[in-house]
Amino acid sequence: MIGFMTLDLHIPQARSLKDKRHVVKSMVDGIRAKFNVSIAELDHLDLHQRATLGVACVSNDAAHVHRVLEAVRAAIESRPEVVVCSVAVEML
């Protein structure tokens, strides 16, 4: 089972691409280390207050994939420097 989640984020405090990249890199590195998932910035690379992240998880247990993606979502939503605008999850 493969689970894929995309998250559209707003980073209101980012005043430059450097500010945004600092926030996104910190978040991506922490999520990758804590949850052992693949995560990357997918879109809005040139906008300083928006980011789209993609997160993928693979397991032979669909329930496990769903739990991991929900935990990643909760971890990102708990970060005060970002606002999650939308989330989409696909299970393959």
C-alpha atoms as a PDB file:
ATOM      1  CA  MET A   1       0.000   0.000   0.000  1.00  0.00           C
ATOM      2  CA  ILE A   2       1.250   3.451  -0.939  1.00  0.00           C
ATOM      3  CA  GLY A   3      -0.131   6.577   0.660  1.00  0.00           C
ATOM      4  CA  PHE A   4       0.519  10.009  -0.779  1.00  0.00           C
ATOM      5  CA  MET A   5      -0.481  13.296   0.841  1.00  0.00           C
ATOM      6  CA  THR A   6      -0.143  16.823  -0.510  1.00  0.00           C
ATOM      7  CA  LEU A   7      -0.368  19.830   1.770  1.00  0.00           C
ATOM      8  CA  ASP A   8      -0.725  23.429   0.616  1.00  0.00           C
ATOM      9  CA  LEU A   9       0.865  25.728   3.164  1.00  0.00           C
ATOM     10  CA  HIS A  10       0.830  29.449   3.843  1.00  0.00           C
ATOM     11  CA  ILE A  11       3.864  30.851   5.664  1.00  0.00           C
ATOM     12  CA  PRO A  12       2.693  34.317   6.760  1.00  0.00           C
ATOM     13  CA  GLN A  13       5.917  35.393   8.512  1.00  0.00           C
ATOM     14  CA  ALA A  14       8.167  34.685   5.498  1.00  0.00           C
ATOM     15  CA  ARG A  15       9.358  37.967   4.026  1.00  0.00           C
ATOM     16  CA  SER A  16      11.753  36.401   1.518  1.00  0.00           C
ATOM     17  CA  LEU A  17      12.526  33.098  -0.176  1.00  0.00           C
ATOM     18  CA  LYS A  18      15.333  32.657   2.334  1.00  0.00           C
ATOM     19  CA  ASP A  19      12.823  32.883   5.225  1.00  0.00           C
ATOM     20  CA  LYS A  20      10.510  30.409   3.509  1.00  0.00           C
ATOM     21  CA  ARG A  21      13.286  27.946   2.717  1.00  0.00           C
ATOM     22  CA  HIS A  22      14.453  28.024   6.321  1.00  0.00           C
ATOM     23  CA  VAL A  23      10.963  27.106   7.567  1.00  0.00           C
ATOM     24  CA  VAL A  24      10.369  24.455   4.894  1.00  0.00           C
ATOM     25  CA  LYS A  25      13.795  22.823   5.274  1.00  0.00           C
ATOM     26  CA  SER A  26      13.458  22.636   9.042  1.00  0.00           C
ATOM     27  CA  MET A  27       9.986  21.111   8.749  1.00  0.00           C
ATOM     28  CA  VAL A  28      10.956  18.628   6.016  1.00  0.00           C
ATOM     29  CA  ASP A  29      14.071  17.447   7.869  1.00  0.00           C
ATOM     30  CA  GLY A  30      12.154  16.988  11.132  1.00  0.00           C
ATOM     31  CA  ILE A  31       9.249  15.113   9.515  1.00  0.00           C
ATOM     32  CA  ARG A  32      11.596  12.857   7.540  1.00  0.00           C
ATOM     33  CA  ALA A  33      13.590  11.949  10.660  1.00  0.00           C
ATOM     34  CA  LYS A  34      10.628  11.450  12.982  1.00  0.00           C
ATOM     35  CA  PHE A  35       8.254   9.521  10.705  1.00  0.00           C
ATOM     36  CA  ASN A  36      10.595   7.810   8.192  1.00  0.00           C
ATOM     37  CA  VAL A  37       8.610   9.054   5.170  1.00  0.00           C
ATOM     38  CA  SER A  38       9.582  10.628   1.881  1.00  0.00           C
ATOM     39  CA  ILE A  39       8.781  14.338   1.864  1.00  0.00           C
ATOM     40  CA  ALA A  40       9.625  17.143  -0.530  1.00  0.00           C
ATOM     41  CA  GLU A  41       8.518  20.596  -1.605  1.00  0.00           C
ATOM     42  CA  LEU A  42       6.581  20.143  -4.861  1.00  0.00           C
ATOM     43  CA  ASP A  43       5.226  23.512  -5.940  1.00  0.00           C
ATOM     44  CA  HIS A  44       5.339  27.284  -5.388  1.00  0.00           C
ATOM     45  CA  LEU A  45       9.133  27.227  -5.235  1.00  0.00           C
ATOM     46  CA  ASP A  46       9.390  30.898  -6.215  1.00  0.00           C
ATOM     47  CA  LEU A  47       6.675  32.258  -3.916  1.00  0.00           C
ATOM     48  CA  HIS A  48       7.886  33.362  -0.507  1.00  0.00           C
ATOM     49  CA  GLN A  49       4.694  32.701   1.499  1.00  0.00           C
ATOM     50  CA  ARG A  50       3.384  29.519  -0.147  1.00  0.00           C
ATOM     51  CA  ALA A  51       4.612  25.947  -0.331  1.00  0.00           C
ATOM     52  CA  THR A  52       3.183  22.619  -1.408  1.00  0.00           C
ATOM     53  CA  LEU A  53       4.630  19.541   0.267  1.00  0.00           C
ATOM     54  CA  GLY A  54       4.280  15.954  -0.871  1.00  0.00           C
ATOM     55  CA  VAL A  55       4.572  13.106   1.632  1.00  0.00           C
ATOM     56  CA  ALA A  56       4.734   9.414   0.700  1.00  0.00           C
ATOM     57  CA  CYS A  57       4.553   6.347   2.914  1.00  0.00           C
ATOM     58  CA  VAL A  58       4.796   2.689   1.857  1.00  0.00           C
ATOM     59  CA  SER A  59       3.727  -0.334   3.910  1.00  0.00           C
ATOM     60  CA  ASN A  60       1.973  -3.666   3.518  1.00  0.00           C
ATOM     61  CA  ASP A  61      -0.677  -2.435   5.995  1.00  0.00           C
ATOM     62  CA  ALA A  62      -3.104   0.247   4.787  1.00  0.00           C
ATOM     63  CA  ALA A  63      -4.063   1.191   8.350  1.00  0.00           C
ATOM     64  CA  HIS A  64      -0.416   1.843   9.197  1.00  0.00           C
ATOM     65  CA  VAL A  65      -0.004   4.099   6.155  1.00  0.00           C
ATOM     66  CA  HIS A  66      -3.130   6.035   7.124  1.00  0.00           C
ATOM     67  CA  ARG A  67      -1.927   6.456  10.742  1.00  0.00           C
ATOM     68  CA  VAL A  68       1.502   7.679   9.645  1.00  0.00           C
ATOM     69  CA  LEU A  69       0.073  10.220   7.199  1.00  0.00           C
ATOM     70  CA  GLU A  70      -2.372  11.508   9.816  1.00  0.00           C
ATOM     71  CA  ALA A  71       0.487  11.848  12.324  1.00  0.00           C
ATOM     72  CA  VAL A  72       2.527  13.800   9.756  1.00  0.00           C
ATOM     73  CA  ARG A  73      -0.467  16.033   9.082  1.00  0.00           C
ATOM     74  CA  ALA A  74      -0.952  16.689  12.799  1.00  0.00           C
ATOM     75  CA  ALA A  75       2.750  17.478  13.232  1.00  0.00           C
ATOM     76  CA  ILE A  76       2.703  20.000  10.392  1.00  0.00           C
ATOM     77  CA  GLU A  77      -0.566  21.582  11.578  1.00  0.00           C
ATOM     78  CA  SER A  78       0.904  22.004  15.070  1.00  0.00           C
ATOM     79  CA  ARG A  79       3.745  24.189  13.789  1.00  0.00           C
ATOM     80  CA  PRO A  80       2.963  27.840  14.600  1.00  0.00           C
ATOM     81  CA  GLU A  81       4.868  29.259  11.624  1.00  0.00           C
ATOM     82  CA  VAL A  82       2.668  27.604   8.967  1.00  0.00           C
ATOM     83  CA  VAL A  83      -1.031  27.549   8.121  1.00  0.00           C
ATOM     84  CA  VAL A  84      -2.295  24.439   6.342  1.00  0.00           C
ATOM     85  CA  CYS A  85      -4.654  25.610   3.581  1.00  0.00           C
ATOM     86  CA  SER A  86      -5.581  22.243   2.106  1.00  0.00           C
ATOM     87  CA  VAL A  87      -4.744  18.558   2.368  1.00  0.00           C
ATOM     88  CA  ALA A  88      -5.326  15.764  -0.128  1.00  0.00           C
ATOM     89  CA  VAL A  89      -4.630  12.081   0.534  1.00  0.00           C
ATOM     90  CA  GLU A  90      -4.462   9.292  -2.027  1.00  0.00           C
ATOM     91  CA  MET A  91      -4.114   5.609  -1.223  1.00  0.00           C
ATOM     92  CA  LEU A  92      -2.818   3.348  -4.008  1.00  0.00           C
END
